[in-house]
């Protein structure tokens, strides 16, 4: 290990007692790291706040002002300025753009979230693209009771008090989003909705119902526009489940995926028994 790297490691060990650091890390002086955090090798931290219970994979990059608590990040995740993550799990090769807020989120590999995205209690698959200022998981209110105010049905004390002796209405329901889903800018997705693999949600849509695999929907409320592919091609893509392939298979498949004939890609994958 070079002398400068050894010196940095000694300084970090003194400054961040109780923190487990991998080799080759660079941590700016104003970074705050609570004891119990685990950081992989080659991570670059530029002034975020890391709370206990957090694990960062190898090659993590955290910009100034990012805040992460009780979360696990896989290898090569990039968290940009003023993003906030709590109680979440990210796979590898994920980009979180400035101002995003995540709580109780699971996010699959090779996905990214645009600026100021807000996600609460959401499960997203791999290869998902989420446009800026999208809001998913805002919570629910009852519409068939005398009042919609949570002080009458929730013990969470959203306004500092409650009249409810116990919670009698499910305010939060998990949103499930499949693999390779593209969500445009300024989309709202209601609690409890399920979005199938390969779906596309047009910008500005308000999604209140489940979206089938490989469907394109848009509008307020969102309605079907068309299916991306025929039912037969969709079934073959679902069976192939290419989003679960390892990096070597994905690299080999790239020229076959990067064209406008899904039949040709499927024929190549099936002929070569790639699954």
Protein backbone atom coordinates (compact mmCIF):
# COMPACT_ATOMS: atom_id res chain seq x y z
CA UNK A 1 0.00 0.00 0.00
CA UNK A 2 1.47 3.44 -0.95
CA UNK A 3 2.66 5.63 1.90
CA UNK A 4 -0.04 8.27 1.32
CA UNK A 5 -2.78 5.62 1.41
CA UNK A 6 -1.35 4.20 4.63
CA UNK A 7 -1.31 7.67 6.20
CA UNK A 8 -4.93 8.29 5.15
CA UNK A 9 -5.98 4.98 6.62
CA UNK A 10 -4.37 5.85 9.97
CA UNK A 11 -6.06 9.27 10.01
CA UNK A 12 -9.44 7.75 9.17
CA UNK A 13 -9.04 5.06 11.83
CA UNK A 14 -8.42 7.78 14.42
CA UNK A 15 -11.16 10.13 13.15
CA UNK A 16 -13.84 7.49 12.59
CA UNK A 17 -13.50 5.12 15.50
CA UNK A 18 -15.89 2.19 15.36
CA UNK A 19 -16.19 2.48 11.55
CA UNK A 20 -14.99 -0.39 9.34
CA UNK A 21 -13.20 0.99 6.27
CA UNK A 22 -11.98 -0.83 3.18
CA UNK A 23 -8.73 -0.02 1.38
CA UNK A 24 -8.34 2.95 -0.96
CA UNK A 25 -11.16 5.09 0.46
CA UNK A 26 -11.15 8.88 0.25
CA UNK A 27 -13.23 10.75 2.84
CA UNK A 28 -13.53 14.52 2.92
CA UNK A 29 -12.85 16.06 6.31
CA UNK A 30 -16.41 17.32 6.94
CA UNK A 31 -17.95 13.86 6.53
CA UNK A 32 -19.84 12.63 9.59
CA UNK A 33 -19.84 8.87 10.12
CA UNK A 34 -21.46 7.25 13.12
CA UNK A 35 -19.92 4.11 14.71
CA UNK A 36 -21.14 0.84 13.22
CA UNK A 37 -21.01 1.95 9.58
CA UNK A 38 -19.24 -0.44 7.17
CA UNK A 39 -17.62 1.01 4.03
CA UNK A 40 -16.16 -1.05 1.19
CA UNK A 41 -12.94 -0.41 -0.69
CA UNK A 42 -12.36 2.52 -3.08
CA UNK A 43 -15.36 4.48 -1.75
CA UNK A 44 -15.35 8.25 -2.24
CA UNK A 45 -17.24 10.25 0.38
CA UNK A 46 -17.56 14.01 -0.06
CA UNK A 47 -19.27 15.19 3.08
CA UNK A 48 -22.40 13.10 3.66
CA UNK A 49 -23.82 12.03 6.98
CA UNK A 50 -23.75 8.27 7.54
CA UNK A 51 -25.76 6.85 10.43
CA UNK A 52 -25.29 3.56 12.23
CA UNK A 53 -26.63 0.44 10.58
CA UNK A 54 -25.40 1.59 7.17
CA UNK A 55 -23.26 -0.53 4.81
CA UNK A 56 -21.65 0.81 1.65
CA UNK A 57 -20.38 -1.52 -1.08
CA UNK A 58 -17.10 -1.25 -2.95
CA UNK A 59 -16.69 1.83 -5.14
CA UNK A 60 -19.52 3.80 -3.52
CA UNK A 61 -19.62 7.52 -4.37
CA UNK A 62 -21.47 9.91 -2.04
CA UNK A 63 -21.73 13.61 -2.82
CA UNK A 64 -21.80 16.49 -0.37
CA UNK A 65 -24.97 16.72 1.70
CA UNK A 66 -26.15 13.16 1.13
CA UNK A 67 -27.62 11.47 4.21
CA UNK A 68 -27.91 7.73 4.67
CA UNK A 69 -29.28 5.84 7.66
CA UNK A 70 -29.88 2.16 8.37
CA UNK A 71 -29.43 1.25 4.70
CA UNK A 72 -27.35 -1.15 2.61
CA UNK A 73 -25.80 -0.12 -0.71
CA UNK A 74 -24.25 -2.58 -3.13
CA UNK A 75 -21.10 -2.03 -5.18
CA UNK A 76 -20.63 1.08 -7.33
CA UNK A 77 -23.69 3.02 -6.17
CA UNK A 78 -23.62 6.79 -6.67
CA UNK A 79 -25.61 9.04 -4.32
CA UNK A 80 -25.65 12.69 -5.39
CA UNK A 81 -25.96 15.87 -3.36
CA UNK A 82 -28.78 16.33 -0.81
CA UNK A 83 -30.20 12.85 -1.44
CA UNK A 84 -31.63 11.10 1.63
CA UNK A 85 -31.90 7.33 2.13
CA UNK A 86 -33.32 5.54 5.17
CA UNK A 87 -34.24 1.92 5.89
CA UNK A 88 -33.47 0.99 2.27
CA UNK A 89 -31.53 -1.63 0.31
CA UNK A 90 -29.87 -0.91 -3.03
CA UNK A 91 -28.23 -3.48 -5.29
CA UNK A 92 -25.19 -2.59 -7.42
CA UNK A 93 -24.60 0.04 -10.13
CA UNK A 94 -27.37 2.41 -9.02
CA UNK A 95 -27.57 6.18 -9.47
CA UNK A 96 -29.56 8.42 -7.13
CA UNK A 97 -29.74 12.02 -8.40
CA UNK A 98 -29.81 15.20 -6.27
CA UNK A 99 -32.60 15.75 -3.77
CA UNK A 100 -34.13 12.26 -3.98
CA UNK A 101 -35.74 10.91 -0.80
CA UNK A 102 -36.09 7.17 -0.15
CA UNK A 103 -37.59 5.41 2.85
CA UNK A 104 -38.23 1.66 3.05
CA UNK A 105 -37.18 1.13 -0.57
CA UNK A 106 -35.64 -1.87 -2.31
CA UNK A 107 -34.01 -0.97 -5.62
CA UNK A 108 -32.60 -3.42 -8.16
CA UNK A 109 -29.27 -3.21 -9.97
CA UNK A 110 -28.62 -0.90 -12.95
CA UNK A 111 -31.48 1.42 -12.00
CA UNK A 112 -31.50 5.17 -11.50
CA UNK A 113 -33.76 7.75 -9.87
CA UNK A 114 -34.06 11.31 -11.19
CA UNK A 115 -33.89 14.57 -9.27
CA UNK A 116 -36.22 15.05 -6.29
CA UNK A 117 -37.88 11.67 -6.61
CA UNK A 118 -39.76 10.65 -3.44
CA UNK A 119 -40.29 6.94 -2.71
CA UNK A 120 -41.96 5.46 0.38
CA UNK A 121 -42.41 1.71 0.86
CA UNK A 122 -41.56 0.78 -2.74
CA UNK A 123 -40.02 -2.35 -4.28
CA UNK A 124 -38.40 -1.67 -7.66
CA UNK A 125 -36.77 -4.22 -9.95
CA UNK A 126 -33.58 -4.02 -11.99
CA UNK A 127 -32.89 -1.73 -14.97
CA UNK A 128 -35.61 0.75 -13.92
CA UNK A 129 -35.51 4.40 -15.02
CA UNK A 130 -37.45 6.89 -12.88
CA UNK A 131 -37.86 10.48 -14.09
CA UNK A 132 -37.48 13.61 -11.94
CA UNK A 133 -40.02 14.68 -9.33
CA UNK A 134 -41.88 11.40 -9.41
CA UNK A 135 -43.78 10.59 -6.20
CA UNK A 136 -44.51 6.98 -5.29
CA UNK A 137 -46.11 5.88 -2.01
CA UNK A 138 -47.70 9.02 -0.57
CA UNK A 139 -50.04 7.17 1.75
CA UNK A 140 -53.82 6.78 1.76
CA UNK A 141 -56.80 8.36 3.53
CA UNK A 142 -60.26 6.80 3.94
CA UNK A 143 -63.04 8.29 1.82
CA UNK A 144 -66.01 6.50 3.41
CA UNK A 145 -65.67 7.84 6.96
CA UNK A 146 -66.94 11.04 8.51
CA UNK A 147 -63.43 12.53 8.45
CA UNK A 148 -60.34 11.91 6.34
CA UNK A 149 -58.04 13.21 9.11
CA UNK A 150 -55.62 10.62 10.53
CA UNK A 151 -56.19 11.89 14.08
CA UNK A 152 -59.34 9.70 14.10
CA UNK A 153 -57.89 6.44 12.71
CA UNK A 154 -54.09 6.51 13.17
CA UNK A 155 -51.76 6.42 16.15
CA UNK A 156 -48.84 7.85 14.15
CA UNK A 157 -49.53 11.39 15.44
CA UNK A 158 -48.90 13.10 12.10
CA UNK A 159 -50.04 16.44 13.57
CA UNK A 160 -48.64 15.83 17.04
CA UNK A 161 -51.67 14.19 18.64
CA UNK A 162 -54.37 11.57 18.03
CA UNK A 163 -57.85 10.65 19.29
CA UNK A 164 -57.48 7.06 18.05
CA UNK A 165 -56.74 4.37 20.67
CA UNK A 166 -55.45 2.14 17.86
CA UNK A 167 -54.82 2.30 14.09
CA UNK A 168 -57.92 1.22 12.18
CA UNK A 169 -56.97 2.09 8.59
CA UNK A 170 -53.99 0.97 6.46
CA UNK A 171 -52.33 4.23 5.47
CA UNK A 172 -49.42 2.61 3.67
CA UNK A 173 -49.44 -0.22 1.14
CA UNK A 174 -46.30 -1.35 -0.68
CA UNK A 175 -45.90 -0.40 -4.34
CA UNK A 176 -44.35 -3.18 -6.47
CA UNK A 177 -42.55 -2.22 -9.68
CA UNK A 178 -41.09 -4.87 -11.99
CA UNK A 179 -37.86 -4.94 -13.98
CA UNK A 180 -36.94 -2.68 -16.91
CA UNK A 181 -39.74 -0.21 -16.13
CA UNK A 182 -39.50 3.36 -17.44
CA UNK A 183 -41.36 5.98 -15.39
CA UNK A 184 -41.46 9.49 -16.88
CA UNK A 185 -41.11 12.82 -15.08
CA UNK A 186 -43.72 14.12 -12.62
CA UNK A 187 -45.54 10.78 -12.25
CA UNK A 188 -47.66 9.95 -9.20
CA UNK A 189 -48.24 6.27 -8.32
CA UNK A 190 -50.80 5.40 -5.69
CA UNK A 191 -50.09 3.08 -2.76
CA UNK A 192 -50.63 -0.64 -3.37
CA UNK A 193 -50.23 -0.48 -7.16
CA UNK A 194 -48.27 -3.19 -9.03
CA UNK A 195 -46.48 -2.34 -12.28
CA UNK A 196 -45.39 -5.23 -14.51
CA UNK A 197 -42.02 -5.81 -16.14
CA UNK A 198 -41.17 -3.66 -19.14
CA UNK A 199 -44.01 -1.18 -18.60
CA UNK A 200 -43.75 2.49 -19.55
CA UNK A 201 -45.51 5.24 -17.56
CA UNK A 202 -45.87 8.49 -19.53
CA UNK A 203 -44.75 11.77 -17.98
CA UNK A 204 -47.32 13.44 -15.76
CA UNK A 205 -49.44 10.31 -15.32
CA UNK A 206 -51.42 9.58 -12.17
CA UNK A 207 -51.40 5.80 -11.75
CA UNK A 208 -54.22 4.48 -9.58
CA UNK A 209 -54.50 0.89 -10.90
CA UNK A 210 -52.17 -2.00 -11.68
CA UNK A 211 -50.26 -1.82 -14.99
CA UNK A 212 -49.71 -5.04 -17.01
CA UNK A 213 -46.26 -6.11 -18.21
CA UNK A 214 -44.99 -4.22 -21.27
CA UNK A 215 -47.98 -1.87 -21.30
CA UNK A 216 -47.70 1.86 -22.03
CA UNK A 217 -50.05 4.00 -19.93
CA UNK A 218 -50.57 7.72 -19.51
CA UNK A 219 -52.99 10.42 -18.46
CA UNK A 220 -54.94 11.45 -15.35
CA UNK A 221 -55.93 8.93 -14.25
CA UNK A 222 -53.56 6.74 -16.25
CA UNK A 223 -55.16 4.60 -18.95
CA UNK A 224 -53.73 2.04 -21.41
CA UNK A 225 -52.24 3.56 -24.57
CA UNK A 226 -50.96 0.36 -26.17
CA UNK A 227 -48.89 -2.77 -25.55
CA UNK A 228 -45.24 -2.55 -26.51
CA UNK A 229 -45.13 -6.05 -27.98
CA UNK A 230 -47.45 -8.91 -28.88
CA UNK A 231 -48.61 -11.28 -26.13
CA UNK A 232 -46.34 -14.00 -27.51
CA UNK A 233 -43.21 -11.83 -27.35
CA UNK A 234 -44.11 -10.62 -23.85
CA UNK A 235 -44.48 -14.21 -22.65
CA UNK A 236 -41.09 -15.15 -24.12
CA UNK A 237 -39.40 -12.12 -22.56
CA UNK A 238 -40.93 -12.90 -19.18
CA UNK A 239 -39.72 -16.50 -19.44
CA UNK A 240 -36.24 -15.41 -20.51
CA UNK A 241 -35.95 -12.96 -17.58
CA UNK A 242 -32.79 -11.40 -19.03
CA UNK A 243 -32.67 -8.89 -16.14
CA UNK A 244 -31.32 -11.68 -13.95
CA UNK A 245 -28.31 -12.36 -16.19
CA UNK A 246 -24.80 -11.71 -14.90
CA UNK A 247 -22.52 -9.03 -16.32
CA UNK A 248 -20.82 -11.37 -18.80
CA UNK A 249 -24.15 -12.43 -20.34
CA UNK A 250 -25.41 -8.86 -20.46
CA UNK A 251 -22.27 -7.69 -22.22
CA UNK A 252 -22.59 -10.51 -24.76
CA UNK A 253 -26.26 -9.70 -25.33
CA UNK A 254 -25.80 -5.94 -25.76
CA UNK A 255 -25.57 -5.82 -29.58
CA UNK A 256 -28.62 -8.09 -29.86
CA UNK A 257 -30.66 -6.04 -27.38
CA UNK A 258 -29.70 -2.70 -28.93
CA UNK A 259 -31.93 -3.01 -31.98
CA UNK A 260 -35.62 -2.66 -32.79
CA UNK A 261 -36.50 -6.31 -33.46
CA UNK A 262 -37.24 -8.13 -30.18
CA UNK A 263 -37.93 -11.31 -32.18
CA UNK A 264 -34.29 -11.34 -33.35
CA UNK A 265 -33.01 -10.91 -29.81
CA UNK A 266 -35.25 -13.70 -28.51
CA UNK A 267 -34.24 -16.00 -31.35
CA UNK A 268 -30.54 -15.38 -30.60
CA UNK A 269 -30.99 -15.93 -26.85
CA UNK A 270 -33.09 -19.07 -27.31
CA UNK A 271 -30.78 -20.51 -29.97
CA UNK A 272 -27.77 -20.00 -27.73
CA UNK A 273 -29.66 -21.23 -24.66
CA UNK A 274 -28.90 -18.05 -22.76
CA UNK A 275 -31.11 -17.90 -19.71
